[in-house]
């Protein structure tokens, strides 16, 4: 059984707990720290979007289409569907000669509440640009341009790009397998929320992949250069990766290129810590994202990233986080447990 990583306190009493596992590896594959079962394959979901974006840059598509930092950051994003996110995805598609009709990720209301209310007040329905994965899918369609070689029937070529056998998804899957060094043909496979294939991968392999993203070690030359470019883009435009009030944006706005972190669904979180040459992968057993996974990632960053006093205070506010009710009264806290606090760089 995995250890308890987060306690939920109401007043001074433990109201509930969250168990999970985490792995911290270096780029050579050595385990620097671990808690719980890091060998059980889990679905990383959106936490691996930077790995899925490697072919977008390595293929030359990003340069050919003139994608900027905002657009490359969005290709790695699980965004809130704010107008800036939707407009950036639309620009990516326009550069590829496509529009929102080419997206096959589906539509949902923006996760960002104010943006959803604005759409509703205007009498508008959300479209695929508001989907939190529209940047990733726009990146896939830009990759399709490079794979298609400029032929005139691009719209026909991109149809069904999310199917496992499509050339786009074959490139994306190959990049994921190469980065993780895990055989994706012999592991459980499912369908992600945005309809692309998702593969079960152990935390140890995911953390190794993110250490590679942070250092380039173990990646081929094209993917290593792509990882540098994507990390630089995200450090330049962290708002595009998530949005207002979101953990990933807040942490990367504060810590810059020292941390690349990316949440996934169902309590998964991954990060590259380039200065330390380390990768991190976390899974909360009960799938709790908004509370437990963020507390654990914050505690790991505290343990393994060099922080000044201001940065340390900021991160502690995320790993020992107050809970307030609708009247603004503090009613409890989310706290990293002693076993999690025992991690040392």
Protein backbone atom coordinates (compact mmCIF):
# COMPACT_ATOMS: atom_id res chain seq x y z
CA UNK A 1 0.00 0.00 0.00
CA UNK A 2 1.27 3.46 -0.89
CA UNK A 3 2.03 5.85 1.98
CA UNK A 4 -0.10 8.79 3.06
CA UNK A 5 1.41 11.87 1.40
CA UNK A 6 -1.17 14.52 2.29
CA UNK A 7 -3.32 15.11 5.36
CA UNK A 8 -6.50 17.19 5.16
CA UNK A 9 -7.01 19.01 8.45
CA UNK A 10 -10.27 20.54 9.63
CA UNK A 11 -9.30 22.60 12.61
CA UNK A 12 -6.52 20.54 14.16
CA UNK A 13 -8.01 17.12 13.37
CA UNK A 14 -7.30 14.95 10.33
CA UNK A 15 -10.50 14.80 8.28
CA UNK A 16 -9.14 12.77 5.35
CA UNK A 17 -5.89 11.59 3.82
CA UNK A 18 -4.44 11.04 0.37
CA UNK A 19 -2.08 8.16 -0.41
CA UNK A 20 0.22 8.05 -3.40
CA UNK A 21 3.59 7.39 -4.91
CA UNK A 22 6.35 9.51 -6.37
CA UNK A 23 9.65 9.05 -8.17
CA UNK A 24 12.58 11.43 -8.58
CA UNK A 25 15.22 10.27 -11.07
CA UNK A 26 18.29 11.68 -12.74
CA UNK A 27 18.88 11.61 -16.48
CA UNK A 28 20.97 8.43 -16.24
CA UNK A 29 17.98 6.62 -14.78
CA UNK A 30 19.17 6.49 -11.17
CA UNK A 31 16.45 6.77 -8.53
CA UNK A 32 17.29 9.77 -6.34
CA UNK A 33 14.18 9.48 -4.17
CA UNK A 34 10.98 7.48 -4.19
CA UNK A 35 7.91 6.79 -2.07
CA UNK A 36 5.40 4.04 -2.76
CA UNK A 37 5.12 1.83 -5.82
CA UNK A 38 6.92 3.46 -8.74
CA UNK A 39 6.83 0.35 -10.96
CA UNK A 40 3.06 0.05 -11.42
CA UNK A 41 2.00 1.37 -14.83
CA UNK A 42 -0.36 4.35 -14.55
CA UNK A 43 -2.00 6.53 -17.18
CA UNK A 44 -0.08 9.86 -17.20
CA UNK A 45 -2.77 11.61 -19.23
CA UNK A 46 -2.05 15.31 -19.85
CA UNK A 47 1.10 15.33 -17.71
CA UNK A 48 3.12 14.19 -20.75
CA UNK A 49 2.05 16.87 -23.22
CA UNK A 50 5.61 18.18 -23.52
CA UNK A 51 6.74 14.70 -24.61
CA UNK A 52 3.90 14.58 -27.13
CA UNK A 53 4.99 17.99 -28.48
CA UNK A 54 8.58 16.93 -29.19
CA UNK A 55 7.83 15.93 -32.84
CA UNK A 56 6.21 19.32 -33.48
CA UNK A 57 9.61 20.96 -33.05
CA UNK A 58 11.91 18.09 -34.09
CA UNK A 59 10.08 17.69 -37.42
CA UNK A 60 10.78 21.30 -38.36
CA UNK A 61 7.07 22.13 -38.40
CA UNK A 62 7.35 24.76 -35.67
CA UNK A 63 10.05 26.64 -37.57
CA UNK A 64 8.37 26.22 -40.95
CA UNK A 65 5.13 27.72 -39.61
CA UNK A 66 6.84 30.39 -37.50
CA UNK A 67 5.36 29.28 -34.19
CA UNK A 68 6.34 31.58 -31.33
CA UNK A 69 6.80 31.00 -27.63
CA UNK A 70 3.10 31.52 -26.83
CA UNK A 71 2.08 28.93 -29.40
CA UNK A 72 4.67 26.35 -28.35
CA UNK A 73 3.74 26.84 -24.71
CA UNK A 74 0.10 26.26 -25.62
CA UNK A 75 1.08 23.02 -27.37
CA UNK A 76 2.17 21.79 -23.91
CA UNK A 77 -0.89 23.15 -22.11
CA UNK A 78 -3.96 22.08 -20.21
CA UNK A 79 -5.38 25.58 -20.28
CA UNK A 80 -8.45 27.18 -18.77
CA UNK A 81 -10.11 28.10 -22.05
CA UNK A 82 -9.60 31.83 -21.55
CA UNK A 83 -9.82 34.05 -24.62
CA UNK A 84 -6.02 34.27 -24.85
CA UNK A 85 -5.82 30.48 -25.00
CA UNK A 86 -8.52 30.13 -27.64
CA UNK A 87 -7.05 32.93 -29.77
CA UNK A 88 -3.57 31.43 -29.59
CA UNK A 89 -4.86 28.04 -30.71
CA UNK A 90 -6.71 29.73 -33.58
CA UNK A 91 -3.46 31.45 -34.65
CA UNK A 92 -1.63 28.13 -34.69
CA UNK A 93 -4.31 26.60 -36.88
CA UNK A 94 -4.32 29.60 -39.23
CA UNK A 95 -0.56 29.26 -39.71
CA UNK A 96 -1.19 25.65 -40.72
CA UNK A 97 -3.92 26.70 -43.16
CA UNK A 98 -6.65 25.20 -40.98
CA UNK A 99 -9.34 26.33 -38.56
CA UNK A 100 -11.20 25.06 -35.50
CA UNK A 101 -13.24 22.67 -37.65
CA UNK A 102 -10.11 20.54 -38.04
CA UNK A 103 -9.83 19.94 -34.29
CA UNK A 104 -11.07 16.55 -33.13
CA UNK A 105 -10.65 17.08 -29.37
CA UNK A 106 -14.30 17.94 -28.76
CA UNK A 107 -15.78 21.03 -27.11
CA UNK A 108 -16.48 21.88 -23.50
CA UNK A 109 -17.12 25.03 -21.47
CA UNK A 110 -13.94 26.83 -20.36
CA UNK A 111 -12.62 25.63 -17.02
CA UNK A 112 -11.94 29.29 -16.24
CA UNK A 113 -15.25 30.33 -14.67
CA UNK A 114 -15.19 33.98 -15.75
CA UNK A 115 -14.53 32.97 -19.35
CA UNK A 116 -17.39 30.47 -19.27
CA UNK A 117 -19.72 33.15 -17.86
CA UNK A 118 -18.65 35.59 -20.59
CA UNK A 119 -19.45 33.06 -23.31
CA UNK A 120 -22.83 32.35 -21.77
CA UNK A 121 -23.63 36.07 -21.35
CA UNK A 122 -22.88 36.58 -25.04
CA UNK A 123 -25.22 33.75 -25.96
CA UNK A 124 -22.34 31.75 -27.40
CA UNK A 125 -21.64 28.04 -27.11
CA UNK A 126 -18.09 26.77 -26.49
CA UNK A 127 -16.21 25.24 -29.39
CA UNK A 128 -13.11 23.08 -29.67
CA UNK A 129 -10.82 26.10 -29.17
CA UNK A 130 -12.10 26.29 -25.58
CA UNK A 131 -11.16 22.67 -24.93
CA UNK A 132 -8.29 22.52 -22.44
CA UNK A 133 -6.37 20.37 -24.95
CA UNK A 134 -6.87 22.62 -28.00
CA UNK A 135 -3.24 23.75 -27.93
CA UNK A 136 -1.92 20.19 -27.96
CA UNK A 137 -4.27 19.28 -30.80
CA UNK A 138 -3.37 22.42 -32.74
CA UNK A 139 0.25 21.32 -32.37
CA UNK A 140 -0.67 17.91 -33.78
CA UNK A 141 -2.24 19.60 -36.80
CA UNK A 142 0.85 21.75 -37.29
CA UNK A 143 2.95 18.58 -37.17
CA UNK A 144 0.66 17.16 -39.84
CA UNK A 145 1.77 19.95 -42.19
CA UNK A 146 5.37 18.75 -42.00
CA UNK A 147 4.40 15.10 -42.40
CA UNK A 148 2.18 15.88 -45.37
CA UNK A 149 4.90 17.74 -47.23
CA UNK A 150 2.85 20.68 -48.51
CA UNK A 151 0.52 18.65 -50.73
CA UNK A 152 -2.84 20.29 -51.58
CA UNK A 153 -5.16 17.86 -49.75
CA UNK A 154 -4.08 18.74 -46.18
CA UNK A 155 -7.64 18.79 -44.81
CA UNK A 156 -8.19 15.26 -46.04
CA UNK A 157 -4.83 14.11 -44.64
CA UNK A 158 -5.49 15.43 -41.13
CA UNK A 159 -8.88 13.74 -40.72
CA UNK A 160 -8.66 11.12 -38.02
CA UNK A 161 -5.28 12.40 -36.80
CA UNK A 162 -6.03 11.15 -33.28
CA UNK A 163 -6.32 7.50 -34.36
CA UNK A 164 -3.35 5.31 -33.33
CA UNK A 165 -2.56 4.36 -36.93
CA UNK A 166 -2.50 7.94 -38.28
CA UNK A 167 1.01 9.23 -39.19
CA UNK A 168 0.64 12.10 -36.68
CA UNK A 169 -0.20 9.82 -33.78
CA UNK A 170 2.49 7.33 -34.77
CA UNK A 171 5.07 10.12 -34.47
CA UNK A 172 3.68 11.26 -31.14
CA UNK A 173 3.61 7.72 -29.73
CA UNK A 174 7.15 7.04 -30.95
CA UNK A 175 8.38 10.17 -29.16
CA UNK A 176 6.64 9.13 -25.95
CA UNK A 177 8.17 5.67 -26.11
CA UNK A 178 11.65 6.99 -26.87
CA UNK A 179 11.59 9.50 -24.01
CA UNK A 180 10.31 7.00 -21.44
CA UNK A 181 12.21 3.94 -22.73
CA UNK A 182 9.05 1.96 -22.11
CA UNK A 183 7.47 -0.50 -24.53
CA UNK A 184 4.08 1.02 -25.29
CA UNK A 185 3.05 -1.93 -27.45
CA UNK A 186 2.96 -4.16 -24.38
CA UNK A 187 1.15 -2.03 -21.81
CA UNK A 188 -2.50 -1.16 -21.09
CA UNK A 189 -3.86 1.40 -23.54
CA UNK A 190 -6.92 3.61 -23.23
CA UNK A 191 -8.49 6.69 -24.74
CA UNK A 192 -7.80 10.08 -23.18
CA UNK A 193 -10.42 12.73 -22.48
CA UNK A 194 -9.45 14.50 -25.71
CA UNK A 195 -9.73 11.20 -27.64
CA UNK A 196 -6.06 10.45 -28.34
CA UNK A 197 -4.50 7.16 -27.19
CA UNK A 198 -3.11 7.09 -23.65
CA UNK A 199 -0.65 4.47 -22.42
CA UNK A 200 0.02 3.16 -18.91
CA UNK A 201 3.64 3.91 -17.90
CA UNK A 202 5.36 3.44 -14.52
CA UNK A 203 6.32 6.51 -12.49
CA UNK A 204 9.98 5.50 -12.68
CA UNK A 205 9.93 5.75 -16.48
CA UNK A 206 7.95 8.99 -16.45
CA UNK A 207 10.38 10.65 -14.04
CA UNK A 208 13.30 9.45 -16.17
CA UNK A 209 11.68 10.98 -19.25
CA UNK A 210 11.30 14.35 -17.54
CA UNK A 211 14.92 14.27 -16.37
CA UNK A 212 15.81 13.76 -20.03
CA UNK A 213 13.58 16.68 -21.03
CA UNK A 214 15.41 18.88 -18.53
CA UNK A 215 18.91 17.86 -19.65
CA UNK A 216 18.70 16.39 -23.16
CA UNK A 217 20.63 13.34 -21.93
CA UNK A 218 19.31 10.13 -23.47
CA UNK A 219 17.22 11.86 -26.14
CA UNK A 220 18.18 11.88 -29.80
CA UNK A 221 19.59 15.16 -31.08
CA UNK A 222 16.30 16.33 -32.58
CA UNK A 223 14.27 15.60 -29.47
CA UNK A 224 16.92 17.11 -27.18
CA UNK A 225 16.83 20.37 -29.16
CA UNK A 226 13.04 20.25 -29.18
CA UNK A 227 12.94 19.80 -25.39
CA UNK A 228 15.17 22.87 -24.92
CA UNK A 229 12.98 24.92 -27.23
CA UNK A 230 9.76 23.87 -25.52
CA UNK A 231 11.12 24.51 -22.02
CA UNK A 232 12.29 27.94 -23.12
CA UNK A 233 8.88 28.72 -24.60
CA UNK A 234 7.05 27.66 -21.44
CA UNK A 235 9.42 29.67 -19.24
CA UNK A 236 8.71 32.69 -21.46
CA UNK A 237 4.94 32.21 -21.54
CA UNK A 238 3.80 30.22 -18.49
CA UNK A 239 0.33 31.77 -18.55
CA UNK A 240 -0.40 29.85 -21.75
CA UNK A 241 0.28 26.49 -20.07
CA UNK A 242 -2.59 26.79 -17.59
CA UNK A 243 -3.97 30.25 -16.81
CA UNK A 244 -5.32 32.45 -14.05
CA UNK A 245 -4.77 31.08 -10.56
CA UNK A 246 -3.56 27.68 -11.77
CA UNK A 247 -0.69 25.89 -9.99
CA UNK A 248 1.50 25.32 -13.07
CA UNK A 249 1.28 28.94 -14.18
CA UNK A 250 1.82 30.33 -10.68
CA UNK A 251 4.86 28.15 -9.97
CA UNK A 252 6.55 28.72 -13.33
CA UNK A 253 5.87 32.46 -13.24
CA UNK A 254 7.60 32.50 -9.86
CA UNK A 255 10.49 30.06 -10.46
CA UNK A 256 11.03 30.51 -14.18
CA UNK A 257 13.20 28.00 -16.02
CA UNK A 258 14.16 26.23 -12.78
CA UNK A 259 10.93 24.21 -12.96
CA UNK A 260 8.84 22.81 -15.77
CA UNK A 261 5.75 21.22 -14.20
CA UNK A 262 2.65 19.78 -15.80
CA UNK A 263 -0.47 18.38 -14.20
CA UNK A 264 -2.35 15.44 -15.64
CA UNK A 265 -5.77 14.02 -14.87
CA UNK A 266 -6.53 11.66 -11.98
CA UNK A 267 -3.84 12.84 -9.59
CA UNK A 268 -0.82 12.67 -11.89
CA UNK A 269 1.87 15.37 -11.91
CA UNK A 270 5.24 15.43 -13.68
CA UNK A 271 8.09 17.93 -13.64
CA UNK A 272 11.58 18.59 -14.96
CA UNK A 273 14.04 20.34 -12.64
CA UNK A 274 16.75 21.31 -15.15
CA UNK A 275 19.23 22.90 -12.74
CA UNK A 276 19.30 19.68 -10.74
CA UNK A 277 19.09 17.39 -13.78
CA UNK A 278 16.10 15.64 -12.22
CA UNK A 279 12.67 14.47 -13.28
CA UNK A 280 9.63 13.97 -11.06
CA UNK A 281 6.50 11.86 -11.45
CA UNK A 282 3.64 11.69 -8.93
CA UNK A 283 0.41 9.68 -8.73
CA UNK A 284 -2.24 10.23 -6.06
CA UNK A 285 -4.13 6.97 -5.58
CA UNK A 286 -7.61 8.50 -5.32
CA UNK A 287 -7.09 10.71 -8.37
CA UNK A 288 -7.19 13.97 -6.40
CA UNK A 289 -5.70 16.69 -8.59
CA UNK A 290 -6.71 20.08 -7.29
CA UNK A 291 -5.59 19.46 -3.72
CA UNK A 292 -3.33 16.50 -3.03
CA UNK A 293 -1.25 16.35 -6.22
CA UNK A 294 -0.40 20.06 -5.97
CA UNK A 295 0.66 19.73 -2.32
CA UNK A 296 2.95 16.83 -3.20
CA UNK A 297 4.52 18.60 -6.17
CA UNK A 298 5.08 21.73 -4.11
CA UNK A 299 6.80 19.70 -1.39
CA UNK A 300 9.03 17.97 -3.94
CA UNK A 301 10.04 21.32 -5.43
CA UNK A 302 10.85 22.57 -1.93
CA UNK A 303 13.05 19.52 -1.36
CA UNK A 304 14.97 19.55 -4.63
CA UNK A 305 15.10 23.13 -5.98
CA UNK A 306 17.33 25.82 -4.49
CA UNK A 307 14.99 28.57 -3.26
CA UNK A 308 15.61 31.97 -1.74
CA UNK A 309 13.51 33.04 1.25
CA UNK A 310 10.76 34.57 -0.86
CA UNK A 311 10.51 31.55 -3.15
CA UNK A 312 10.54 29.19 -0.17
CA UNK A 313 7.69 31.09 1.49
CA UNK A 314 5.70 30.99 -1.73
CA UNK A 315 6.20 27.25 -2.19
CA UNK A 316 5.37 26.54 1.46
CA UNK A 317 2.02 28.27 0.93
CA UNK A 318 1.29 25.56 -1.66
CA UNK A 319 2.59 22.56 0.28
CA UNK A 320 0.95 23.70 3.54
CA UNK A 321 -2.15 25.27 2.05
CA UNK A 322 -4.97 26.92 3.91
CA UNK A 323 -8.59 26.02 3.20
CA UNK A 324 -11.24 28.71 3.49
CA UNK A 325 -15.01 28.48 3.37
CA UNK A 326 -17.38 30.69 1.38
CA UNK A 327 -17.18 33.38 4.06
CA UNK A 328 -13.41 33.50 3.76
CA UNK A 329 -12.88 31.89 7.16
CA UNK A 330 -9.90 29.53 7.43
CA UNK A 331 -11.34 26.12 8.29
CA UNK A 332 -8.37 23.82 7.81
CA UNK A 333 -5.23 23.01 5.89
CA UNK A 334 -3.79 20.64 3.31
CA UNK A 335 -0.38 19.56 4.57
CA UNK A 336 2.47 17.41 3.33
CA UNK A 337 2.99 14.49 5.73
CA UNK A 338 6.29 13.83 7.56
CA UNK A 339 7.27 11.05 5.15
CA UNK A 340 6.95 13.51 2.27
CA UNK A 341 8.83 16.20 4.22
CA UNK A 342 11.64 13.69 4.78
CA UNK A 343 12.71 13.93 1.12
CA UNK A 344 16.08 15.61 0.77
CA UNK A 345 18.02 16.86 -2.21
